[in-house]
Amino acid sequence: MKRRGYISPRIETIENYEAAFRGFAEYKERRDNVQRFAANLKANLMELLAEYRDGTGHTSEYQDEEIFEPKRRIVSKLPVRDHVRQWAPLLQTERLFTDTFIRRSCSCVKGRGTHDFINLLRKELYTDPESTWYFVQLDAHHYFQNIAHFLMKERVRTKIKDPKLLRFLDEFIDSFRQGLPLGVKISQILANFFLAKFDHDAVGIFGIAGDPERLAYWRNRYVSDSLVTCRTKEQADELGRGVAYMVGKFDRYISEPIQYFRFADNIVMLHRDKTFLHLVTEMCIMVLARDYLIEVNRNWNVRPVWSRGIDVCSYVSFHTHRALRKRNKKALCRQVAKCKKKGMTPEETRLECASRIGFATHANSHTLLRKLDINMEKRLGKVIKNRRANIPFKGMRYDQKRPFTDIVCKDPAQEDNFKIMLLDYAIEDSKVETEDYFAEVTGPDGVVRQERKTRPKKCLVIRYKRILQTVVQTAVDGEEHESYVYEREKDSNGTPTVKDAEYYSYTGSAIMIDQAEKDFTKADLPCPTVVMEQVNKLNKKFYKFT
């Protein structure tokens, strides 16, 4: 590996430090600490430049912060001046480090993030399912914290020989108590660079093909392990072809590069042969422990892709499709449910959950988004359809329609949370459900016959307001009067206005239709009520106004 020197002259310019501040401050301009640093920018940058020239700069004390999403981690924070101080050398050296990464190492490189990694994995699974039947996933145990400082310095010296820059990098590496800190860009680049040589060695299966002694050992291991793990008739037939055949098969595997992917400390390897993949995994764990002092978590296992998929980077990848990880799916459903409970429109819900929805669209999640009533495409045809929709009440809009289940109370103790003010109702023909009936039809011969026909079912559409709070006031004569606080309409920014929000919903409940036809009239409205879910003697659910 060629070592590079004379890098410091490019670092020691005010233009480089100005670019470093712009790079760090991008999308952070409104932060107070960034604005304070920018208020005296020229003097601060000159001070940092002088510290690098003199070699007197020191990393400030780290401030640790615990985060619990998606799991517990400790993030180390530094002042703005330290970030700019580290960005300046990184602008001139980042390309030197990242050029050593293999294409399938997709973290800490611009344009090669989570989705790039998942797409590379998906392409390999889709194009060659035979060669990717089995997989193994390795995860380094507390990777950042367990990077040995002396090994990190040795790795840096294989690429850089500039004394001043090496002194700066050594000071940064030693500034953290153990390993490298999470939350600092330069540590992310160095951590990925730390395993760059391992990536190349692993793809070439650690040069075993060119070492006769090691090749003989692993040949024997492959034959003996294949014999011990034989479980199927196909495996027995292959073993029946003899040792020479199995040795030739191993030599063919060892001469081909392994299908290897790495995202930070997550390693994924694919192969057609389960026994061979076990051996390569054993080699990887041994080399990581011996040469890098990195321990691999013991929960790894070689298994077929079709069984549970490859769960990495919040997606589960299969040969035919890509699913969303279960906890991400549940988090999206919870967030959408909260938005609907607040009475948000589908468009407001889409904007509120945009981050999780956008993440879900990279998987095969069309059915999930449809069930959640989320449509990412605002096509003109849908806009026209909404405008032409037959709105049952004059003056209302299509976006005021709500699912009937949103106002159904299943627990009598929760009635206050489902109370509505019924404003109007109408009984219409359903556009979805139909029913069969028999009608008397006179034939050409004058004979009256019973003929089966189909007609739309009846449905009830109600117009209502959501009651958030019931206020009971006592008059002078002692009589109590009730007043209500209603849910408010929201503007385009999601801010509540002074106008009460009105909604309408459809239901095909026969009992509610019967109540609307016989038990009350429009003259009784407006009137507060609760739609209650109940169970009859046959254990069947039904709904009624209460």
Protein backbone atom coordinates (compact mmCIF):
# COMPACT_ATOMS: atom_id res chain seq x y z
CA MET A 1 0.00 0.00 0.00
CA LYS A 2 1.49 3.34 -1.07
CA ARG A 3 2.05 5.82 1.76
CA ARG A 4 1.29 9.50 1.24
CA GLY A 5 3.22 12.45 2.63
CA TYR A 6 3.26 16.27 2.25
CA ILE A 7 -0.41 16.53 3.18
CA SER A 8 -0.06 19.19 5.90
CA PRO A 9 0.69 22.09 3.47
CA ARG A 10 -2.79 21.58 1.99
CA ILE A 11 -4.33 21.45 5.47
CA GLU A 12 -2.60 24.60 6.76
CA THR A 13 -4.65 27.13 4.78
CA ILE A 14 -7.42 29.40 5.97
CA GLU A 15 -9.49 28.36 2.95
CA ASN A 16 -9.34 24.74 4.09
CA TYR A 17 -10.52 25.66 7.59
CA GLU A 18 -13.34 27.79 6.17
CA ALA A 19 -14.43 24.80 4.08
CA ALA A 20 -14.21 22.64 7.21
CA PHE A 21 -16.56 24.95 9.10
CA ARG A 22 -19.02 25.03 6.18
CA GLY A 23 -18.95 21.24 5.95
CA PHE A 24 -19.64 20.75 9.64
CA ALA A 25 -22.21 23.56 9.93
CA GLU A 26 -24.31 22.39 6.98
CA TYR A 27 -27.93 21.96 8.19
CA LYS A 28 -26.80 23.06 11.68
CA GLU A 29 -26.79 26.85 11.19
CA ARG A 30 -29.61 27.45 13.68
CA ARG A 31 -27.88 25.78 16.60
CA ASP A 32 -26.77 28.17 19.33
CA ASN A 33 -23.26 26.75 19.64
CA VAL A 34 -22.70 27.00 15.87
CA GLN A 35 -23.94 30.61 15.82
CA ARG A 36 -21.66 31.52 18.73
CA PHE A 37 -18.67 30.05 16.91
CA ALA A 38 -19.65 31.80 13.66
CA ALA A 39 -19.98 35.17 15.43
CA ASN A 40 -16.18 35.35 15.68
CA LEU A 41 -15.42 32.97 12.84
CA LYS A 42 -12.19 34.47 11.45
CA ALA A 43 -10.43 34.60 14.82
CA ASN A 44 -11.57 31.09 15.77
CA LEU A 45 -10.35 29.59 12.50
CA MET A 46 -6.98 31.37 12.76
CA GLU A 47 -6.58 29.97 16.26
CA LEU A 48 -7.29 26.43 15.08
CA LEU A 49 -4.90 26.86 12.14
CA ALA A 50 -2.11 28.04 14.47
CA GLU A 51 -2.68 25.07 16.80
CA TYR A 52 -2.27 22.62 13.91
CA ARG A 53 0.90 24.35 12.66
CA ASP A 54 2.46 24.34 16.13
CA GLY A 55 1.16 20.94 17.14
CA THR A 56 -0.31 22.40 20.34
CA GLY A 57 -3.96 21.47 19.78
CA HIS A 58 -5.68 19.06 22.13
CA THR A 59 -9.10 17.41 21.95
CA SER A 60 -11.56 18.77 24.50
CA GLU A 61 -13.16 16.58 27.13
CA TYR A 62 -15.94 14.38 25.78
CA GLN A 63 -19.50 14.77 27.05
CA ASP A 64 -21.26 11.41 27.10
CA GLU A 65 -24.96 11.06 26.33
CA GLU A 66 -27.06 7.91 26.42
CA ILE A 67 -29.47 7.20 23.58
CA PHE A 68 -31.92 4.30 23.41
CA GLU A 69 -33.03 4.25 19.75
CA PRO A 70 -32.97 1.56 18.55
CA LYS A 71 -30.79 0.23 21.39
CA ARG A 72 -28.74 1.67 24.22
CA ARG A 73 -25.64 3.50 23.05
CA ILE A 74 -23.30 6.11 24.52
CA VAL A 75 -22.64 9.01 22.14
CA SER A 76 -19.65 11.25 22.86
CA LYS A 77 -20.06 14.95 22.11
CA LEU A 78 -17.45 17.67 21.49
CA PRO A 79 -17.59 21.47 21.15
CA VAL A 80 -17.90 23.03 17.68
CA ARG A 81 -14.23 24.06 17.60
CA ASP A 82 -13.13 20.41 17.97
CA HIS A 83 -15.37 19.29 15.11
CA VAL A 84 -13.95 22.01 12.83
CA ARG A 85 -10.44 21.15 14.02
CA GLN A 86 -11.00 17.52 12.94
CA TRP A 87 -12.83 18.34 9.72
CA ALA A 88 -9.89 20.37 8.35
CA PRO A 89 -7.42 17.42 8.09
CA LEU A 90 -10.27 15.11 7.11
CA LEU A 91 -11.10 17.18 4.01
CA GLN A 92 -7.62 16.39 2.65
CA THR A 93 -7.37 12.77 3.81
CA GLU A 94 -10.86 11.27 3.66
CA ARG A 95 -10.42 10.20 0.04
CA LEU A 96 -7.12 8.48 0.93
CA PHE A 97 -8.93 6.31 3.45
CA THR A 98 -12.14 5.62 1.52
CA ASP A 99 -10.27 4.62 -1.64
CA THR A 100 -9.03 1.56 0.22
CA PHE A 101 -12.59 0.34 0.94
CA ILE A 102 -14.07 -2.43 -1.16
CA ARG A 103 -17.26 -1.55 -3.06
CA ARG A 104 -19.38 -3.66 -0.74
CA SER A 105 -18.28 -1.76 2.34
CA CYS A 106 -21.05 0.82 2.53
CA SER A 107 -20.80 2.86 5.71
CA CYS A 108 -19.13 6.24 6.29
CA VAL A 109 -18.83 6.89 2.54
CA LYS A 110 -20.87 9.56 0.76
CA GLY A 111 -23.52 7.96 -1.47
CA ARG A 112 -22.93 4.51 0.02
CA GLY A 113 -25.25 4.38 3.00
CA THR A 114 -27.96 2.03 4.23
CA HIS A 115 -30.00 1.82 1.02
CA ASP A 116 -26.94 1.37 -1.17
CA PHE A 117 -25.87 -1.56 1.00
CA ILE A 118 -29.34 -3.12 0.92
CA ASN A 119 -29.58 -2.68 -2.86
CA LEU A 120 -26.20 -4.36 -3.40
CA LEU A 121 -27.32 -7.27 -1.25
CA ARG A 122 -30.67 -7.43 -3.05
CA LYS A 123 -28.98 -7.47 -6.46
CA GLU A 124 -26.76 -10.40 -5.49
CA LEU A 125 -29.68 -12.38 -4.07
CA TYR A 126 -31.86 -11.73 -7.12
CA THR A 127 -29.32 -12.35 -9.88
CA ASP A 128 -27.74 -15.53 -8.48
CA PRO A 129 -30.04 -17.37 -6.06
CA GLU A 130 -28.18 -20.67 -6.49
CA SER A 131 -24.89 -19.24 -5.22
CA THR A 132 -26.53 -17.32 -2.38
CA TRP A 133 -28.63 -20.08 -0.84
CA TYR A 134 -26.94 -19.84 2.59
CA PHE A 135 -25.78 -16.83 4.56
CA VAL A 136 -24.03 -15.95 7.80
CA GLN A 137 -24.17 -12.64 9.63
CA LEU A 138 -21.36 -11.57 11.98
CA ASP A 139 -21.55 -8.68 14.39
CA ALA A 140 -18.49 -7.33 16.22
CA HIS A 141 -18.97 -6.99 19.97
CA HIS A 142 -18.89 -3.27 20.94
CA TYR A 143 -16.80 -2.55 17.86
CA PHE A 144 -15.94 1.14 18.38
CA GLN A 145 -15.07 0.67 22.06
CA ASN A 146 -12.80 -2.34 21.36
CA ILE A 147 -10.58 -0.88 18.64
CA ALA A 148 -7.06 -1.07 20.09
CA HIS A 149 -5.24 2.29 19.90
CA PHE A 150 -1.84 0.82 18.96
CA LEU A 151 -3.39 -1.22 16.13
CA MET A 152 -5.31 1.81 14.86
CA LYS A 153 -2.09 3.84 14.76
CA GLU A 154 -0.32 1.04 12.87
CA ARG A 155 -3.15 0.95 10.33
CA VAL A 156 -2.98 4.73 9.80
CA ARG A 157 0.79 4.51 9.19
CA THR A 158 0.24 2.06 6.33
CA LYS A 159 -1.39 4.92 4.40
CA ILE A 160 0.12 8.19 5.76
CA LYS A 161 3.70 9.24 6.49
CA ASP A 162 3.22 12.99 7.06
CA PRO A 163 4.70 13.51 10.61
CA LYS A 164 2.52 16.49 11.54
CA LEU A 165 -0.68 14.79 10.40
CA LEU A 166 0.30 11.56 12.19
CA ARG A 167 0.86 13.53 15.39
CA PHE A 168 -2.63 15.03 15.03
CA LEU A 169 -4.27 11.61 14.41
CA ASP A 170 -2.36 10.00 17.29
CA GLU A 171 -3.57 12.74 19.65
CA PHE A 172 -7.18 12.17 18.53
CA ILE A 173 -6.94 8.38 18.90
CA ASP A 174 -5.44 8.68 22.41
CA SER A 175 -7.97 11.35 23.45
CA PHE A 176 -10.65 8.74 24.06
CA ARG A 177 -10.34 6.42 27.04
CA GLN A 178 -10.91 3.18 25.11
CA GLY A 179 -11.41 2.57 21.41
CA LEU A 180 -12.92 5.35 19.29
CA PRO A 181 -15.85 7.64 20.23
CA LEU A 182 -19.30 7.35 18.68
CA GLY A 183 -20.70 10.59 17.27
CA VAL A 184 -17.54 12.04 15.68
CA LYS A 185 -17.06 11.87 11.91
CA ILE A 186 -13.32 11.22 11.96
CA SER A 187 -13.80 8.20 14.24
CA GLN A 188 -16.34 6.75 11.78
CA ILE A 189 -13.87 7.04 8.89
CA LEU A 190 -11.02 5.55 10.95
CA ALA A 191 -13.21 2.72 12.27
CA ASN A 192 -14.19 1.70 8.76
CA PHE A 193 -10.58 2.02 7.57
CA PHE A 194 -9.50 -0.23 10.46
CA LEU A 195 -11.17 -3.24 8.78
CA ALA A 196 -10.42 -2.28 5.16
CA LYS A 197 -7.52 -4.75 4.90
CA PHE A 198 -9.63 -7.46 6.51
CA ASP A 199 -12.30 -6.91 3.83
CA HIS A 200 -9.78 -7.54 1.04
CA ASP A 201 -8.37 -10.60 2.82
CA ALA A 202 -11.83 -12.04 3.48
CA VAL A 203 -12.95 -11.64 -0.15
CA GLY A 204 -9.81 -13.55 -1.19
CA ILE A 205 -10.43 -16.11 1.59
CA PHE A 206 -7.20 -15.06 3.31
CA GLY A 207 -4.90 -16.27 0.53
CA ILE A 208 -5.34 -19.96 1.39
CA ALA A 209 -5.22 -20.99 -2.28
CA GLY A 210 -1.56 -19.90 -2.46
CA ASP A 211 -0.43 -21.57 0.79
CA PRO A 212 -0.06 -25.37 0.37
CA GLU A 213 0.12 -26.11 4.10
CA ARG A 214 -3.02 -24.19 5.05
CA LEU A 215 -4.79 -25.39 1.89
CA ALA A 216 -4.21 -29.02 2.87
CA TYR A 217 -5.55 -28.41 6.38
CA TRP A 218 -8.76 -26.74 5.24
CA ARG A 219 -9.26 -29.36 2.50
CA ASN A 220 -9.25 -32.09 5.12
CA ARG A 221 -11.57 -30.04 7.32
CA TYR A 222 -14.04 -29.59 4.47
CA VAL A 223 -14.17 -33.31 3.67
CA SER A 224 -14.48 -34.40 7.31
CA ASP A 225 -17.06 -31.70 8.17
CA SER A 226 -19.13 -32.60 5.11
CA LEU A 227 -19.17 -36.21 6.30
CA VAL A 228 -20.18 -35.28 9.86
CA THR A 229 -22.93 -32.84 8.79
CA CYS A 230 -24.45 -35.06 6.09
CA ARG A 231 -28.24 -35.02 6.54
CA THR A 232 -29.89 -35.43 3.14
CA LYS A 233 -29.80 -37.92 0.30
CA GLU A 234 -28.27 -35.31 -2.05
CA GLN A 235 -25.39 -34.74 0.39
CA ALA A 236 -24.87 -38.49 0.73
CA ASP A 237 -24.76 -38.89 -3.06
CA GLU A 238 -22.05 -36.22 -3.32
CA LEU A 239 -19.98 -37.88 -0.59
CA GLY A 240 -20.40 -41.17 -2.45
CA ARG A 241 -18.42 -39.75 -5.36
CA GLY A 242 -15.26 -40.00 -3.29
CA VAL A 243 -12.68 -37.84 -1.58
CA ALA A 244 -11.12 -36.64 -4.85
CA TYR A 245 -14.44 -35.17 -5.93
CA MET A 246 -14.90 -33.36 -2.59
CA VAL A 247 -11.34 -32.00 -2.73
CA GLY A 248 -11.90 -30.70 -6.26
CA LYS A 249 -15.12 -29.07 -5.13
CA PHE A 250 -13.31 -27.32 -2.27
CA ASP A 251 -10.50 -26.16 -4.58
CA ARG A 252 -13.09 -24.68 -6.93
CA TYR A 253 -14.72 -22.78 -4.06
CA ILE A 254 -11.42 -21.52 -2.66
CA SER A 255 -10.35 -20.11 -6.04
CA GLU A 256 -13.48 -17.92 -6.27
CA PRO A 257 -13.99 -14.71 -4.26
CA ILE A 258 -16.52 -15.05 -1.45
CA GLN A 259 -19.69 -12.97 -1.68
CA TYR A 260 -18.89 -10.60 1.17
CA PHE A 261 -20.68 -7.45 2.42
CA ARG A 262 -19.91 -5.18 5.37
CA PHE A 263 -21.81 -2.28 6.92
CA ALA A 264 -19.71 -0.79 9.76
CA ASP A 265 -19.33 -3.79 12.11
CA ASN A 266 -22.01 -5.98 10.45
CA ILE A 267 -20.60 -8.59 8.08
CA VAL A 268 -22.78 -10.67 5.74
CA MET A 269 -21.40 -13.56 3.65
CA LEU A 270 -23.28 -15.68 1.11
CA HIS A 271 -22.49 -19.04 -0.46
CA ARG A 272 -24.11 -22.08 -2.04
CA ASP A 273 -22.36 -24.58 0.29
CA LYS A 274 -23.25 -24.54 4.00
CA THR A 275 -20.16 -26.48 5.12
CA PHE A 276 -17.79 -24.24 3.18
CA LEU A 277 -19.47 -21.11 4.59
CA HIS A 278 -18.99 -22.51 8.11
CA LEU A 279 -15.26 -22.86 7.45
CA VAL A 280 -14.93 -19.33 6.03
CA THR A 281 -16.80 -17.98 9.06
CA GLU A 282 -14.39 -19.80 11.35
CA MET A 283 -11.46 -18.21 9.48
CA CYS A 284 -12.99 -14.72 9.79
CA ILE A 285 -13.58 -15.04 13.53
CA MET A 286 -10.06 -16.35 14.06
CA VAL A 287 -8.40 -13.55 12.04
CA LEU A 288 -10.48 -10.81 13.71
CA ALA A 289 -9.53 -12.10 17.16
CA ARG A 290 -5.86 -12.68 16.36
CA ASP A 291 -4.91 -9.72 14.16
CA TYR A 292 -7.51 -7.08 15.14
CA LEU A 293 -8.37 -8.04 18.75
CA ILE A 294 -12.06 -7.86 17.77
CA GLU A 295 -14.50 -10.32 19.32
CA VAL A 296 -17.52 -11.48 17.31
CA ASN A 297 -20.88 -11.94 19.05
CA ARG A 298 -21.71 -15.60 19.46
CA ASN A 299 -25.26 -15.43 18.09
CA TRP A 300 -24.15 -16.10 14.51
CA ASN A 301 -25.49 -19.06 12.57
CA VAL A 302 -25.27 -20.35 9.00
CA ARG A 303 -28.78 -20.86 7.63
CA PRO A 304 -30.71 -20.66 4.35
CA VAL A 305 -31.90 -17.24 3.21
CA TRP A 306 -35.49 -18.41 2.71
CA SER A 307 -35.91 -19.44 6.37
CA ARG A 308 -36.03 -16.02 8.06
CA GLY A 309 -34.25 -13.73 5.63
CA ILE A 310 -31.17 -11.57 6.19
CA ASP A 311 -32.08 -9.07 8.92
CA VAL A 312 -29.67 -6.17 8.50
CA CYS A 313 -30.00 -2.36 8.35
CA SER A 314 -33.68 -2.47 9.44
CA TYR A 315 -34.74 -4.58 6.44
CA VAL A 316 -35.18 -8.34 6.00
CA SER A 317 -33.90 -9.42 2.58
CA PHE A 318 -35.04 -12.55 0.72
CA HIS A 319 -34.33 -13.82 -2.79
CA THR A 320 -37.70 -12.63 -4.09
CA HIS A 321 -38.52 -9.58 -1.99
CA ARG A 322 -37.47 -7.27 0.84
CA ALA A 323 -39.53 -6.86 4.01
CA LEU A 324 -39.53 -4.22 6.71
CA ARG A 325 -38.07 -5.24 10.07
CA LYS A 326 -40.85 -6.12 12.53
CA ARG A 327 -40.06 -3.42 15.10
CA ASN A 328 -39.96 -0.74 12.38
CA LYS A 329 -43.30 -1.95 11.06
CA LYS A 330 -44.85 -1.83 14.53
CA ALA A 331 -43.42 1.65 15.17
CA LEU A 332 -45.00 2.93 11.93
CA CYS A 333 -48.38 1.40 12.81
CA ARG A 334 -48.29 2.96 16.29
CA GLN A 335 -47.42 6.39 14.92
CA VAL A 336 -50.21 6.24 12.31
CA ALA A 337 -52.68 5.07 14.98
CA LYS A 338 -51.78 8.05 17.19
CA CYS A 339 -52.29 10.44 14.27
CA LYS A 340 -55.71 8.96 13.50
CA LYS A 341 -56.68 9.14 17.15
CA LYS A 342 -55.89 12.86 17.05
CA GLY A 343 -58.25 13.21 14.07
CA MET A 344 -55.58 14.02 11.48
CA THR A 345 -56.46 13.76 7.80
CA PRO A 346 -54.63 11.18 5.63
CA GLU A 347 -52.47 13.98 4.20
CA GLU A 348 -51.58 15.27 7.68
CA THR A 349 -50.79 11.72 8.76
CA ARG A 350 -48.56 11.23 5.74
CA LEU A 351 -46.60 14.38 6.55
CA GLU A 352 -46.32 13.55 10.25
CA CYS A 353 -45.04 10.01 9.53
CA ALA A 354 -43.03 10.94 6.43
CA SER A 355 -39.71 9.62 7.76
CA ARG A 356 -40.99 6.15 8.67
CA ILE A 357 -43.19 5.97 5.55
CA GLY A 358 -40.25 6.90 3.33
CA PHE A 359 -38.17 4.17 4.97
CA ALA A 360 -40.98 1.65 4.40
CA THR A 361 -41.28 2.47 0.68
CA HIS A 362 -37.85 0.93 0.06
CA ALA A 363 -39.32 -2.46 1.06
CA ASN A 364 -42.23 -4.45 -0.36
CA SER A 365 -44.71 -2.65 1.89
CA HIS A 366 -47.49 -1.66 -0.51
CA THR A 367 -50.08 -3.79 1.32
CA LEU A 368 -49.05 -2.36 4.69
CA LEU A 369 -49.30 1.25 3.48
CA ARG A 370 -52.66 0.51 1.83
CA LYS A 371 -54.05 -0.95 5.06
CA LEU A 372 -52.83 2.13 6.94
CA ASP A 373 -54.61 4.30 4.33
CA ILE A 374 -51.34 5.89 3.23
CA ASN A 375 -50.88 6.73 -0.43
CA MET A 376 -47.48 8.16 -1.36
CA GLU A 377 -48.57 9.05 -4.89
CA LYS A 378 -50.68 12.18 -5.27
CA ARG A 379 -51.83 11.37 -8.80
CA LEU A 380 -54.10 13.68 -10.76
CA GLY A 381 -56.63 10.88 -11.20
CA LYS A 382 -57.06 10.58 -7.45
CA VAL A 383 -57.50 14.35 -7.11
CA ILE A 384 -60.22 14.28 -9.79
CA LYS A 385 -61.89 11.26 -8.16
CA ASN A 386 -61.97 13.01 -4.79
CA ARG A 387 -63.55 16.11 -6.32
CA ARG A 388 -66.19 14.08 -8.17
CA ALA A 389 -66.98 11.95 -5.11
CA ASN A 390 -70.63 11.93 -4.09
CA ILE A 391 -70.45 13.79 -0.78
CA PRO A 392 -73.57 12.89 1.26
CA PHE A 393 -73.86 16.27 3.01
CA LYS A 394 -73.79 19.64 1.31
CA GLY A 395 -70.78 21.79 2.12
CA MET A 396 -68.55 18.91 3.26
CA ARG A 397 -65.32 17.71 1.62
CA TYR A 398 -64.02 14.26 0.76
CA ASP A 399 -61.11 14.60 3.20
CA GLN A 400 -63.63 14.88 6.07
CA LYS A 401 -64.53 11.20 5.66
CA ARG A 402 -63.39 9.01 8.56
CA PRO A 403 -63.44 5.22 9.08
CA PHE A 404 -66.45 4.12 11.11
CA THR A 405 -64.19 2.10 13.42
CA ASP A 406 -62.57 5.33 14.67
CA ILE A 407 -65.73 6.25 16.61
CA VAL A 408 -66.72 2.80 17.90
CA CYS A 409 -66.40 2.32 21.66
CA LYS A 410 -65.64 -1.25 22.74
CA ASP A 411 -65.26 -0.64 26.48
CA PRO A 412 -68.10 1.06 28.41
CA ALA A 413 -65.53 2.55 30.79
CA GLN A 414 -64.06 4.51 27.83
CA GLU A 415 -67.33 6.13 26.70
CA ASP A 416 -66.10 9.67 27.38
CA ASN A 417 -63.29 9.21 24.86
CA PHE A 418 -65.71 8.24 22.04
CA LYS A 419 -68.54 10.69 22.55
CA ILE A 420 -69.74 12.46 19.39
CA MET A 421 -72.32 15.15 18.61
CA LEU A 422 -74.62 13.64 15.96
CA LEU A 423 -75.58 16.46 13.55
CA ASP A 424 -77.30 14.71 10.65
CA TYR A 425 -77.76 11.34 8.99
CA ALA A 426 -78.96 9.77 5.76
CA ILE A 427 -79.79 6.25 4.60
CA GLU A 428 -78.39 5.43 1.15
CA ASP A 429 -77.74 2.51 -1.15
CA SER A 430 -74.34 0.98 -0.50
CA LYS A 431 -71.79 1.24 -3.32
CA VAL A 432 -69.85 -1.73 -1.97
CA GLU A 433 -72.16 -4.38 -0.54
CA THR A 434 -75.09 -6.10 -2.26
CA GLU A 435 -77.74 -8.61 -1.23
CA ASP A 436 -79.85 -11.21 -3.03
CA TYR A 437 -83.65 -11.22 -2.92
CA PHE A 438 -86.50 -13.01 -4.67
CA ALA A 439 -88.97 -11.04 -6.76
CA GLU A 440 -92.17 -12.17 -8.48
CA VAL A 441 -91.74 -11.99 -12.25
CA THR A 442 -94.48 -12.69 -14.79
CA GLY A 443 -93.16 -14.67 -17.73
CA PRO A 444 -94.24 -14.49 -21.39
CA ASP A 445 -96.64 -17.35 -20.74
CA GLY A 446 -98.38 -15.36 -17.99
CA VAL A 447 -97.04 -17.59 -15.19
CA VAL A 448 -95.71 -15.79 -12.10
CA ARG A 449 -92.34 -17.09 -10.96
CA GLN A 450 -89.88 -16.34 -8.15
CA GLU A 451 -86.64 -14.98 -9.61
CA ARG A 452 -83.42 -14.19 -7.69
CA LYS A 453 -82.14 -10.65 -8.15
CA THR A 454 -79.43 -8.51 -6.62
CA ARG A 455 -79.75 -5.07 -5.08
CA PRO A 456 -77.46 -2.82 -3.05
CA LYS A 457 -77.66 -3.05 0.71
CA LYS A 458 -78.70 -0.09 2.77
CA CYS A 459 -76.06 1.90 4.60
CA LEU A 460 -76.19 4.69 7.15
CA VAL A 461 -74.03 7.78 6.79
CA ILE A 462 -73.72 10.08 9.81
CA ARG A 463 -72.40 13.62 10.18
CA TYR A 464 -70.85 14.43 13.55
CA LYS A 465 -68.35 16.35 15.67
CA ARG A 466 -65.91 14.75 18.08
CA ILE A 467 -66.50 15.78 21.71
CA LEU A 468 -63.22 16.22 23.56
CA GLN A 469 -64.66 17.40 26.85
CA THR A 470 -68.08 17.71 28.51
CA VAL A 471 -68.50 20.75 30.80
CA VAL A 472 -71.35 20.64 33.35
CA GLN A 473 -72.54 24.04 34.65
CA THR A 474 -75.11 24.63 37.42
CA ALA A 475 -77.60 27.48 36.95
CA VAL A 476 -78.96 29.75 39.70
CA ASP A 477 -82.11 27.60 39.98
CA GLY A 478 -79.94 24.51 40.54
CA GLU A 479 -80.52 23.00 37.11
CA GLU A 480 -77.45 21.51 35.41
CA HIS A 481 -76.57 22.34 31.80
CA GLU A 482 -74.00 20.58 29.63
CA SER A 483 -71.69 22.29 27.14
CA TYR A 484 -69.06 20.68 24.97
CA VAL A 485 -65.52 21.28 23.74
CA TYR A 486 -65.11 19.98 20.18
CA GLU A 487 -62.12 18.98 18.10
CA ARG A 488 -60.92 21.90 15.96
CA GLU A 489 -60.14 22.06 12.27
CA LYS A 490 -56.47 22.44 11.36
CA ASP A 491 -54.84 24.66 8.77
CA SER A 492 -52.25 23.56 6.20
CA ASN A 493 -49.50 23.76 8.85
CA GLY A 494 -51.41 21.51 11.26
CA THR A 495 -52.31 24.35 13.64
CA PRO A 496 -55.82 24.16 15.19
CA THR A 497 -58.20 26.94 14.07
CA VAL A 498 -61.27 28.39 15.83
CA LYS A 499 -63.70 26.33 13.71
CA ASP A 500 -65.12 23.02 14.95
CA ALA A 501 -64.10 19.99 12.87
CA GLU A 502 -66.94 18.00 11.29
CA TYR A 503 -66.67 14.47 9.87
CA TYR A 504 -68.85 11.85 8.23
CA SER A 505 -68.68 8.03 8.29
CA TYR A 506 -70.49 5.12 6.68
CA THR A 507 -71.78 1.95 8.34
CA GLY A 508 -73.86 -1.00 7.23
CA SER A 509 -75.03 -1.87 10.77
CA ALA A 510 -78.63 -3.13 10.48
CA ILE A 511 -79.42 -2.17 14.08
CA MET A 512 -78.19 1.40 13.66
CA ILE A 513 -80.15 1.74 10.41
CA ASP A 514 -83.22 0.42 12.22
CA GLN A 515 -82.68 2.96 15.03
CA ALA A 516 -82.42 5.79 12.48
CA GLU A 517 -85.63 4.68 10.76
CA LYS A 518 -87.78 4.02 13.85
CA ASP A 519 -86.33 5.37 17.10
CA PHE A 520 -85.37 8.99 16.32
CA THR A 521 -85.70 11.62 13.60
CA LYS A 522 -83.69 14.56 12.36
CA ALA A 523 -85.81 16.80 14.59
CA ASP A 524 -84.05 15.23 17.60
CA LEU A 525 -80.65 16.43 16.36
CA PRO A 526 -78.09 17.64 17.21
CA CYS A 527 -77.67 15.26 20.11
CA PRO A 528 -74.65 13.68 21.87
CA THR A 529 -74.27 9.91 21.57
CA VAL A 530 -71.78 7.05 21.63
CA VAL A 531 -71.60 4.23 19.08
CA MET A 532 -71.16 1.15 21.27
CA GLU A 533 -69.94 -2.29 20.21
CA GLN A 534 -71.90 -5.07 21.94
CA VAL A 535 -72.20 -8.86 21.74
CA ASN A 536 -75.49 -10.82 21.45
CA LYS A 537 -76.36 -14.25 22.82
CA LEU A 538 -74.77 -15.95 19.81
CA ASN A 539 -71.49 -14.15 20.58
CA LYS A 540 -71.80 -11.96 17.47
CA LYS A 541 -70.85 -8.30 17.52
CA PHE A 542 -73.28 -5.52 16.68
CA TYR A 543 -73.33 -1.74 16.95
CA LYS A 544 -75.94 0.69 18.24
CA PHE A 545 -76.41 4.32 19.26
CA THR A 546 -76.40 4.72 23.05
